[in-house]
Protein backbone atom coordinates (compact mmCIF):
# COMPACT_ATOMS: atom_id res chain seq x y z
CA MET A 1 -28.17 14.12 8.50
CA SER A 2 -25.21 16.48 8.83
CA ARG A 3 -22.40 16.92 6.31
CA ALA A 4 -20.06 15.14 8.75
CA ASP A 5 -22.44 12.16 8.78
CA ASP A 6 -22.49 12.15 4.97
CA ILE A 7 -18.69 12.18 4.82
CA THR A 8 -18.40 9.41 7.42
CA ALA A 9 -20.89 7.23 5.51
CA GLN A 10 -19.13 7.90 2.19
CA ARG A 11 -15.76 7.11 3.74
CA LYS A 12 -17.09 3.80 5.09
CA GLN A 13 -18.53 2.92 1.66
CA LEU A 14 -15.28 3.81 -0.12
CA LYS A 15 -13.20 1.78 2.34
CA ALA A 16 -15.42 -1.26 1.74
CA GLU A 17 -15.06 -0.77 -2.04
CA LEU A 18 -11.26 -0.51 -1.73
CA ASN A 19 -11.13 -3.68 0.40
CA ASP A 20 -13.14 -5.50 -2.27
CA ILE A 21 -10.78 -4.30 -5.02
CA GLN A 22 -7.72 -5.34 -2.98
CA ASP A 23 -9.22 -8.77 -2.22
CA LYS A 24 -9.78 -9.45 -5.93
CA CYS A 25 -6.41 -8.06 -7.09
CA LYS A 26 -3.71 -10.54 -8.21
CA HIS A 27 -0.89 -8.20 -7.00
CA THR A 28 1.20 -8.92 -10.11
CA THR A 29 3.59 -5.99 -9.65
CA GLN A 30 4.90 -4.86 -6.29
CA THR A 31 7.20 -2.11 -5.08
CA ILE A 32 8.82 -1.41 -1.73
CA LYS A 33 7.22 1.73 -0.29
CA ARG A 34 7.75 3.67 2.91
CA CYS A 35 4.72 3.52 5.19
CA GLN A 36 4.39 6.93 6.83
CA GLN A 37 1.98 5.71 9.53
CA ASP A 38 4.21 2.93 10.81
CA LYS A 39 7.51 4.57 9.78
CA ASP A 40 8.74 1.39 8.11
CA TYR A 41 8.91 -0.18 4.66
CA ARG A 42 6.47 -2.61 3.06
CA TRP A 43 5.88 -4.35 -0.23
CA GLU A 44 2.88 -2.63 -1.83
CA CYS A 45 0.85 -3.67 -4.85
CA ASP A 46 1.26 -1.16 -7.67
CA ALA A 47 -2.33 -1.66 -8.89
CA CYS A 48 -4.44 -1.64 -5.71
CA HIS A 49 -1.99 -0.19 -3.14
CA ALA A 50 -2.51 -3.05 -0.69
CA ARG A 51 0.29 -3.47 1.84
CA LEU A 52 1.45 -7.03 1.31
CA ALA A 53 4.53 -7.91 3.36
CA TYR A 54 7.65 -6.61 5.01
CA PRO A 55 10.75 -6.74 2.79
CA SER A 56 13.69 -8.87 3.91
CA GLN A 57 16.86 -7.12 5.00
CA ALA A 58 18.49 -8.04 1.65
CA GLU A 59 15.52 -6.63 -0.31
CA LEU A 60 15.55 -3.45 1.75
CA THR A 61 19.29 -3.00 1.26
CA ALA A 62 18.94 -3.50 -2.51
CA TYR A 63 16.12 -0.92 -2.51
CA MET A 64 18.11 1.63 -0.51
CA VAL A 65 21.42 1.26 -2.38
CA PRO A 66 21.00 1.74 -6.13
CA PRO A 67 23.18 -0.43 -8.37
CA ASN A 68 26.51 1.01 -9.47
CA THR A 69 26.02 2.24 -13.03
CA THR A 70 29.64 3.07 -13.83
């Protein structure tokens, strides 16, 4: 087995482990994050990093424009 085969097998195993963690997670805290692959924004779980949903326009606007602190 080559090193590339080892890496591919390890990657597959780690992805399955991450999916299991994300399936069991309660997603109690979420943050809007920019998704570099899709070039858009998504709600992401802070604990397991699962992409959960697209933010509404109002949520995205509130995220982009910080509150006035003066």
